[in-house]
């Protein structure tokens, strides 16, 4: 075998063994979400009034938030897995999520008397919320961080934080099916804290495991 043939053989081998980072991330998200869904199904479960809750705009609004976060965070992660500039378009898309939540919380404060604000904010399961969102986000976060290690991010902390946001969106979407607190005030505090915990964990993992 001459040199040209050897180089061609090595290139062919590399093509067959290396998976594109986009596909790697897709598989990682799917695997992490599946593990989280299994944990949810066997250990947590949906709220008992799910059928009637599906008719409530307040309940459905939780999914508007979590799915919007999922889409924006996924776009950021997909771009940050490769070297280059930070995709500002996806950052703007991400900013839509807190804007929507802040608007809904302000509207709630206008339509609900001040005497009811505390009850809406604390809800019934604020402590459970802070625990279950990180729990359900753990497998997706680990899976995405491992996938990002196959990429070449030049922003490891930001990539890790966005991986945390993506994982938290999955965890929060699952938890929302269990949670009976649908007030935007509740979401603005306890869902945000749970998401923040996962995002911070992602940033720390990114700083540790995603540096070249």
C-alpha atoms as a PDB file:
ATOM      1  CA  UNK A   1       0.000   0.000   0.000  1.00  0.00           C
ATOM      2  CA  UNK A   2       1.502   3.330  -1.025  1.00  0.00           C
ATOM      3  CA  UNK A   3       1.185   6.614   0.872  1.00  0.00           C
ATOM      4  CA  UNK A   4      -1.818   7.878  -1.102  1.00  0.00           C
ATOM      5  CA  UNK A   5      -3.717   4.671  -0.510  1.00  0.00           C
ATOM      6  CA  UNK A   6      -2.904   4.801   3.217  1.00  0.00           C
ATOM      7  CA  UNK A   7      -4.174   8.375   3.507  1.00  0.00           C
ATOM      8  CA  UNK A   8      -7.362   7.473   1.615  1.00  0.00           C
ATOM      9  CA  UNK A   9      -7.938   4.467   3.874  1.00  0.00           C
ATOM     10  CA  UNK A  10      -7.460   6.573   7.024  1.00  0.00           C
ATOM     11  CA  UNK A  11      -9.836   9.233   5.729  1.00  0.00           C
ATOM     12  CA  UNK A  12     -12.466   6.619   4.915  1.00  0.00           C
ATOM     13  CA  UNK A  13     -12.078   5.093   8.359  1.00  0.00           C
ATOM     14  CA  UNK A  14     -12.484   8.483  10.003  1.00  0.00           C
ATOM     15  CA  UNK A  15     -15.719   9.099   8.088  1.00  0.00           C
ATOM     16  CA  UNK A  16     -17.164   5.814   9.257  1.00  0.00           C
ATOM     17  CA  UNK A  17     -16.214   6.236  12.931  1.00  0.00           C
ATOM     18  CA  UNK A  18     -16.875   9.916  13.579  1.00  0.00           C
ATOM     19  CA  UNK A  19     -20.500  10.948  14.013  1.00  0.00           C
ATOM     20  CA  UNK A  20     -21.461  14.543  13.118  1.00  0.00           C
ATOM     21  CA  UNK A  21     -21.856  16.633  16.246  1.00  0.00           C
ATOM     22  CA  UNK A  22     -25.434  17.544  15.353  1.00  0.00           C
ATOM     23  CA  UNK A  23     -26.450  13.896  15.275  1.00  0.00           C
ATOM     24  CA  UNK A  24     -24.505  13.206  18.465  1.00  0.00           C
ATOM     25  CA  UNK A  25     -26.361  15.985  20.251  1.00  0.00           C
ATOM     26  CA  UNK A  26     -29.721  14.816  18.908  1.00  0.00           C
ATOM     27  CA  UNK A  27     -29.108  11.305  20.200  1.00  0.00           C
ATOM     28  CA  UNK A  28     -27.905  12.670  23.533  1.00  0.00           C
ATOM     29  CA  UNK A  29     -31.019  14.806  23.989  1.00  0.00           C
ATOM     30  CA  UNK A  30     -33.265  11.894  23.016  1.00  0.00           C
ATOM     31  CA  UNK A  31     -31.482   9.499  25.386  1.00  0.00           C
ATOM     32  CA  UNK A  32     -31.482  11.951  28.283  1.00  0.00           C
ATOM     33  CA  UNK A  33     -35.138  12.818  27.745  1.00  0.00           C
ATOM     34  CA  UNK A  34     -36.048   9.127  27.641  1.00  0.00           C
ATOM     35  CA  UNK A  35     -34.327   8.455  30.970  1.00  0.00           C
ATOM     36  CA  UNK A  36     -36.036  11.492  32.509  1.00  0.00           C
ATOM     37  CA  UNK A  37     -39.412  10.381  31.127  1.00  0.00           C
ATOM     38  CA  UNK A  38     -38.962   6.905  32.597  1.00  0.00           C
ATOM     39  CA  UNK A  39     -38.111   8.373  36.002  1.00  0.00           C
ATOM     40  CA  UNK A  40     -41.167  10.592  35.755  1.00  0.00           C
ATOM     41  CA  UNK A  41     -43.454   7.769  34.680  1.00  0.00           C
ATOM     42  CA  UNK A  42     -42.396   5.243  37.324  1.00  0.00           C
ATOM     43  CA  UNK A  43     -41.645   7.514  40.304  1.00  0.00           C
ATOM     44  CA  UNK A  44     -43.633  10.750  39.929  1.00  0.00           C
ATOM     45  CA  UNK A  45     -46.601  10.590  37.574  1.00  0.00           C
ATOM     46  CA  UNK A  46     -49.044  13.126  36.181  1.00  0.00           C
ATOM     47  CA  UNK A  47     -51.425  15.228  38.244  1.00  0.00           C
ATOM     48  CA  UNK A  48     -54.782  13.523  38.874  1.00  0.00           C
ATOM     49  CA  UNK A  49     -56.797  16.228  37.107  1.00  0.00           C
ATOM     50  CA  UNK A  50     -54.668  16.252  33.962  1.00  0.00           C
ATOM     51  CA  UNK A  51     -57.631  15.840  31.595  1.00  0.00           C
ATOM     52  CA  UNK A  52     -59.384  18.957  32.872  1.00  0.00           C
ATOM     53  CA  UNK A  53     -56.091  20.855  33.239  1.00  0.00           C
ATOM     54  CA  UNK A  54     -55.473  20.463  29.514  1.00  0.00           C
ATOM     55  CA  UNK A  55     -58.441  22.794  28.968  1.00  0.00           C
ATOM     56  CA  UNK A  56     -56.878  25.532  31.084  1.00  0.00           C
ATOM     57  CA  UNK A  57     -54.828  28.261  29.332  1.00  0.00           C
ATOM     58  CA  UNK A  58     -52.802  28.750  32.523  1.00  0.00           C
ATOM     59  CA  UNK A  59     -51.734  25.102  32.476  1.00  0.00           C
ATOM     60  CA  UNK A  60     -50.925  25.173  28.759  1.00  0.00           C
ATOM     61  CA  UNK A  61     -48.933  28.381  29.197  1.00  0.00           C
ATOM     62  CA  UNK A  62     -46.369  26.410  31.197  1.00  0.00           C
ATOM     63  CA  UNK A  63     -45.625  24.412  28.057  1.00  0.00           C
ATOM     64  CA  UNK A  64     -45.404  27.558  25.946  1.00  0.00           C
ATOM     65  CA  UNK A  65     -42.590  28.609  28.275  1.00  0.00           C
ATOM     66  CA  UNK A  66     -40.794  25.270  28.562  1.00  0.00           C
ATOM     67  CA  UNK A  67     -40.993  24.446  24.849  1.00  0.00           C
ATOM     68  CA  UNK A  68     -39.817  27.959  23.925  1.00  0.00           C
ATOM     69  CA  UNK A  69     -36.894  27.518  26.297  1.00  0.00           C
ATOM     70  CA  UNK A  70     -36.187  24.086  24.842  1.00  0.00           C
ATOM     71  CA  UNK A  71     -36.102  25.428  21.281  1.00  0.00           C
ATOM     72  CA  UNK A  72     -33.905  28.445  22.075  1.00  0.00           C
ATOM     73  CA  UNK A  73     -31.483  26.471  24.261  1.00  0.00           C
ATOM     74  CA  UNK A  74     -31.208  23.707  21.666  1.00  0.00           C
ATOM     75  CA  UNK A  75     -30.360  26.244  18.972  1.00  0.00           C
ATOM     76  CA  UNK A  76     -27.639  27.707  21.159  1.00  0.00           C
ATOM     77  CA  UNK A  77     -26.180  24.328  22.075  1.00  0.00           C
ATOM     78  CA  UNK A  78     -26.114  23.180  18.444  1.00  0.00           C
ATOM     79  CA  UNK A  79     -24.157  26.287  17.446  1.00  0.00           C
ATOM     80  CA  UNK A  80     -21.897  26.428  20.498  1.00  0.00           C
ATOM     81  CA  UNK A  81     -20.790  22.841  19.933  1.00  0.00           C
ATOM     82  CA  UNK A  82     -18.655  24.190  17.081  1.00  0.00           C
ATOM     83  CA  UNK A  83     -15.939  26.849  17.240  1.00  0.00           C
ATOM     84  CA  UNK A  84     -16.998  30.341  16.312  1.00  0.00           C
ATOM     85  CA  UNK A  85     -18.978  33.359  17.410  1.00  0.00           C
ATOM     86  CA  UNK A  86     -21.884  33.260  19.825  1.00  0.00           C
ATOM     87  CA  UNK A  87     -25.143  33.045  17.802  1.00  0.00           C
ATOM     88  CA  UNK A  88     -26.850  36.279  18.840  1.00  0.00           C
ATOM     89  CA  UNK A  89     -30.069  35.380  17.034  1.00  0.00           C
ATOM     90  CA  UNK A  90     -30.614  32.450  19.364  1.00  0.00           C
ATOM     91  CA  UNK A  91     -29.768  34.647  22.362  1.00  0.00           C
ATOM     92  CA  UNK A  92     -32.589  36.949  21.311  1.00  0.00           C
ATOM     93  CA  UNK A  93     -34.874  33.928  21.000  1.00  0.00           C
ATOM     94  CA  UNK A  94     -33.882  32.885  24.506  1.00  0.00           C
ATOM     95  CA  UNK A  95     -34.702  36.372  25.842  1.00  0.00           C
ATOM     96  CA  UNK A  96     -38.301  35.897  24.673  1.00  0.00           C
ATOM     97  CA  UNK A  97     -38.895  33.306  27.414  1.00  0.00           C
ATOM     98  CA  UNK A  98     -38.345  35.556  30.468  1.00  0.00           C
ATOM     99  CA  UNK A  99     -40.188  38.348  28.657  1.00  0.00           C
ATOM    100  CA  UNK A 100     -43.245  36.115  28.243  1.00  0.00           C
ATOM    101  CA  UNK A 101     -43.071  34.977  31.860  1.00  0.00           C
ATOM    102  CA  UNK A 102     -42.641  38.507  33.224  1.00  0.00           C
ATOM    103  CA  UNK A 103     -45.612  39.709  31.166  1.00  0.00           C
ATOM    104  CA  UNK A 104     -47.815  36.872  32.428  1.00  0.00           C
ATOM    105  CA  UNK A 105     -46.774  37.492  36.048  1.00  0.00           C
ATOM    106  CA  UNK A 106     -47.542  41.210  35.790  1.00  0.00           C
ATOM    107  CA  UNK A 107     -50.945  40.494  34.242  1.00  0.00           C
ATOM    108  CA  UNK A 108     -51.683  38.041  37.060  1.00  0.00           C
ATOM    109  CA  UNK A 109     -50.846  40.690  39.643  1.00  0.00           C
ATOM    110  CA  UNK A 110     -53.331  43.057  37.981  1.00  0.00           C
ATOM    111  CA  UNK A 111     -56.201  40.567  37.808  1.00  0.00           C
ATOM    112  CA  UNK A 112     -55.670  38.900  41.207  1.00  0.00           C
ATOM    113  CA  UNK A 113     -56.159  40.906  44.417  1.00  0.00           C
ATOM    114  CA  UNK A 114     -52.953  41.571  46.404  1.00  0.00           C
ATOM    115  CA  UNK A 115     -54.274  39.471  49.269  1.00  0.00           C
ATOM    116  CA  UNK A 116     -54.008  36.389  47.013  1.00  0.00           C
ATOM    117  CA  UNK A 117     -50.507  37.061  45.697  1.00  0.00           C
ATOM    118  CA  UNK A 118     -48.697  35.155  48.435  1.00  0.00           C
ATOM    119  CA  UNK A 119     -50.885  32.070  48.043  1.00  0.00           C
ATOM    120  CA  UNK A 120     -50.381  32.076  44.270  1.00  0.00           C
ATOM    121  CA  UNK A 121     -46.629  32.543  44.645  1.00  0.00           C
ATOM    122  CA  UNK A 122     -46.095  29.803  47.237  1.00  0.00           C
ATOM    123  CA  UNK A 123     -48.617  27.367  45.763  1.00  0.00           C
ATOM    124  CA  UNK A 124     -48.812  23.874  47.184  1.00  0.00           C
ATOM    125  CA  UNK A 125     -45.500  22.321  46.153  1.00  0.00           C
ATOM    126  CA  UNK A 126     -42.777  24.976  45.933  1.00  0.00           C
ATOM    127  CA  UNK A 127     -40.184  22.795  47.659  1.00  0.00           C
ATOM    128  CA  UNK A 128     -41.059  19.797  45.479  1.00  0.00           C
ATOM    129  CA  UNK A 129     -40.720  21.989  42.408  1.00  0.00           C
ATOM    130  CA  UNK A 130     -37.180  23.055  43.302  1.00  0.00           C
ATOM    131  CA  UNK A 131     -36.189  19.428  43.826  1.00  0.00           C
ATOM    132  CA  UNK A 132     -37.916  17.662  40.952  1.00  0.00           C
ATOM    133  CA  UNK A 133     -36.865  19.993  38.139  1.00  0.00           C
ATOM    134  CA  UNK A 134     -33.135  19.394  38.827  1.00  0.00           C
ATOM    135  CA  UNK A 135     -33.789  15.675  39.344  1.00  0.00           C
ATOM    136  CA  UNK A 136     -35.580  15.284  36.020  1.00  0.00           C
ATOM    137  CA  UNK A 137     -32.946  17.427  34.314  1.00  0.00           C
ATOM    138  CA  UNK A 138     -29.946  15.418  35.538  1.00  0.00           C
ATOM    139  CA  UNK A 139     -29.875  12.724  32.845  1.00  0.00           C
ATOM    140  CA  UNK A 140     -30.406  15.155  29.934  1.00  0.00           C
ATOM    141  CA  UNK A 141     -27.685  17.441  31.316  1.00  0.00           C
ATOM    142  CA  UNK A 142     -25.113  14.665  31.634  1.00  0.00           C
ATOM    143  CA  UNK A 143     -25.999  13.347  28.178  1.00  0.00           C
ATOM    144  CA  UNK A 144     -25.647  16.762  26.504  1.00  0.00           C
ATOM    145  CA  UNK A 145     -22.372  17.554  28.294  1.00  0.00           C
ATOM    146  CA  UNK A 146     -20.942  14.214  27.135  1.00  0.00           C
ATOM    147  CA  UNK A 147     -22.082  14.966  23.589  1.00  0.00           C
ATOM    148  CA  UNK A 148     -20.538  18.441  23.689  1.00  0.00           C
ATOM    149  CA  UNK A 149     -17.202  16.847  24.570  1.00  0.00           C
ATOM    150  CA  UNK A 150     -17.262  15.402  21.040  1.00  0.00           C
ATOM    151  CA  UNK A 151     -17.524  18.934  19.628  1.00  0.00           C
ATOM    152  CA  UNK A 152     -15.116  21.854  19.717  1.00  0.00           C
ATOM    153  CA  UNK A 153     -16.772  24.675  21.617  1.00  0.00           C
ATOM    154  CA  UNK A 154     -14.808  27.859  22.116  1.00  0.00           C
ATOM    155  CA  UNK A 155     -17.198  28.985  24.880  1.00  0.00           C
ATOM    156  CA  UNK A 156     -17.164  26.093  27.382  1.00  0.00           C
ATOM    157  CA  UNK A 157     -18.920  27.870  30.254  1.00  0.00           C
ATOM    158  CA  UNK A 158     -21.640  29.305  28.025  1.00  0.00           C
ATOM    159  CA  UNK A 159     -22.068  25.992  26.219  1.00  0.00           C
ATOM    160  CA  UNK A 160     -22.412  24.231  29.567  1.00  0.00           C
ATOM    161  CA  UNK A 161     -24.923  26.793  30.808  1.00  0.00           C
ATOM    162  CA  UNK A 162     -26.993  26.405  27.632  1.00  0.00           C
ATOM    163  CA  UNK A 163     -26.830  22.634  28.062  1.00  0.00           C
ATOM    164  CA  UNK A 164     -28.254  23.259  31.539  1.00  0.00           C
ATOM    165  CA  UNK A 165     -31.059  25.371  30.098  1.00  0.00           C
ATOM    166  CA  UNK A 166     -31.850  22.672  27.548  1.00  0.00           C
ATOM    167  CA  UNK A 167     -31.878  19.992  30.229  1.00  0.00           C
ATOM    168  CA  UNK A 168     -33.977  22.163  32.547  1.00  0.00           C
ATOM    169  CA  UNK A 169     -36.511  22.718  29.773  1.00  0.00           C
ATOM    170  CA  UNK A 170     -36.919  18.954  29.481  1.00  0.00           C
ATOM    171  CA  UNK A 171     -37.140  18.502  33.242  1.00  0.00           C
ATOM    172  CA  UNK A 172     -39.574  21.401  33.671  1.00  0.00           C
ATOM    173  CA  UNK A 173     -41.792  20.133  30.844  1.00  0.00           C
ATOM    174  CA  UNK A 174     -42.121  16.785  32.575  1.00  0.00           C
ATOM    175  CA  UNK A 175     -42.600  18.332  36.002  1.00  0.00           C
ATOM    176  CA  UNK A 176     -45.292  20.664  34.650  1.00  0.00           C
ATOM    177  CA  UNK A 177     -47.439  17.595  33.969  1.00  0.00           C
ATOM    178  CA  UNK A 178     -47.237  16.713  37.663  1.00  0.00           C
ATOM    179  CA  UNK A 179     -47.394  20.228  39.117  1.00  0.00           C
ATOM    180  CA  UNK A 180     -50.805  21.514  40.166  1.00  0.00           C
ATOM    181  CA  UNK A 181     -49.595  25.089  40.586  1.00  0.00           C
ATOM    182  CA  UNK A 182     -50.309  26.917  37.344  1.00  0.00           C
ATOM    183  CA  UNK A 183     -49.920  30.524  38.467  1.00  0.00           C
ATOM    184  CA  UNK A 184     -47.355  32.580  36.524  1.00  0.00           C
ATOM    185  CA  UNK A 185     -46.234  33.979  39.899  1.00  0.00           C
ATOM    186  CA  UNK A 186     -45.377  30.463  41.066  1.00  0.00           C
ATOM    187  CA  UNK A 187     -43.569  29.693  37.814  1.00  0.00           C
ATOM    188  CA  UNK A 188     -41.660  32.990  37.913  1.00  0.00           C
ATOM    189  CA  UNK A 189     -40.124  32.047  41.258  1.00  0.00           C
ATOM    190  CA  UNK A 190     -39.869  28.299  41.729  1.00  0.00           C
ATOM    191  CA  UNK A 191     -39.527  27.085  38.148  1.00  0.00           C
ATOM    192  CA  UNK A 192     -36.933  29.790  37.599  1.00  0.00           C
ATOM    193  CA  UNK A 193     -34.990  28.741  40.707  1.00  0.00           C
ATOM    194  CA  UNK A 194     -35.064  25.086  39.625  1.00  0.00           C
ATOM    195  CA  UNK A 195     -33.945  26.057  36.130  1.00  0.00           C
ATOM    196  CA  UNK A 196     -31.230  28.272  37.594  1.00  0.00           C
ATOM    197  CA  UNK A 197     -29.835  25.387  39.638  1.00  0.00           C
ATOM    198  CA  UNK A 198     -29.525  23.222  36.531  1.00  0.00           C
ATOM    199  CA  UNK A 199     -28.068  26.076  34.472  1.00  0.00           C
ATOM    200  CA  UNK A 200     -25.408  26.740  37.119  1.00  0.00           C
ATOM    201  CA  UNK A 201     -24.580  23.037  37.243  1.00  0.00           C
ATOM    202  CA  UNK A 202     -24.217  23.044  33.465  1.00  0.00           C
ATOM    203  CA  UNK A 203     -21.897  26.071  33.553  1.00  0.00           C
ATOM    204  CA  UNK A 204     -19.710  24.392  36.184  1.00  0.00           C
ATOM    205  CA  UNK A 205     -19.597  21.147  34.187  1.00  0.00           C
ATOM    206  CA  UNK A 206     -18.782  23.108  31.046  1.00  0.00           C
ATOM    207  CA  UNK A 207     -15.897  24.876  32.758  1.00  0.00           C
ATOM    208  CA  UNK A 208     -14.582  21.540  33.966  1.00  0.00           C
ATOM    209  CA  UNK A 209     -15.168  19.194  31.032  1.00  0.00           C
ATOM    210  CA  UNK A 210     -15.541  21.270  27.865  1.00  0.00           C
ATOM    211  CA  UNK A 211     -12.241  23.129  27.836  1.00  0.00           C
ATOM    212  CA  UNK A 212      -9.733  22.096  25.198  1.00  0.00           C
END
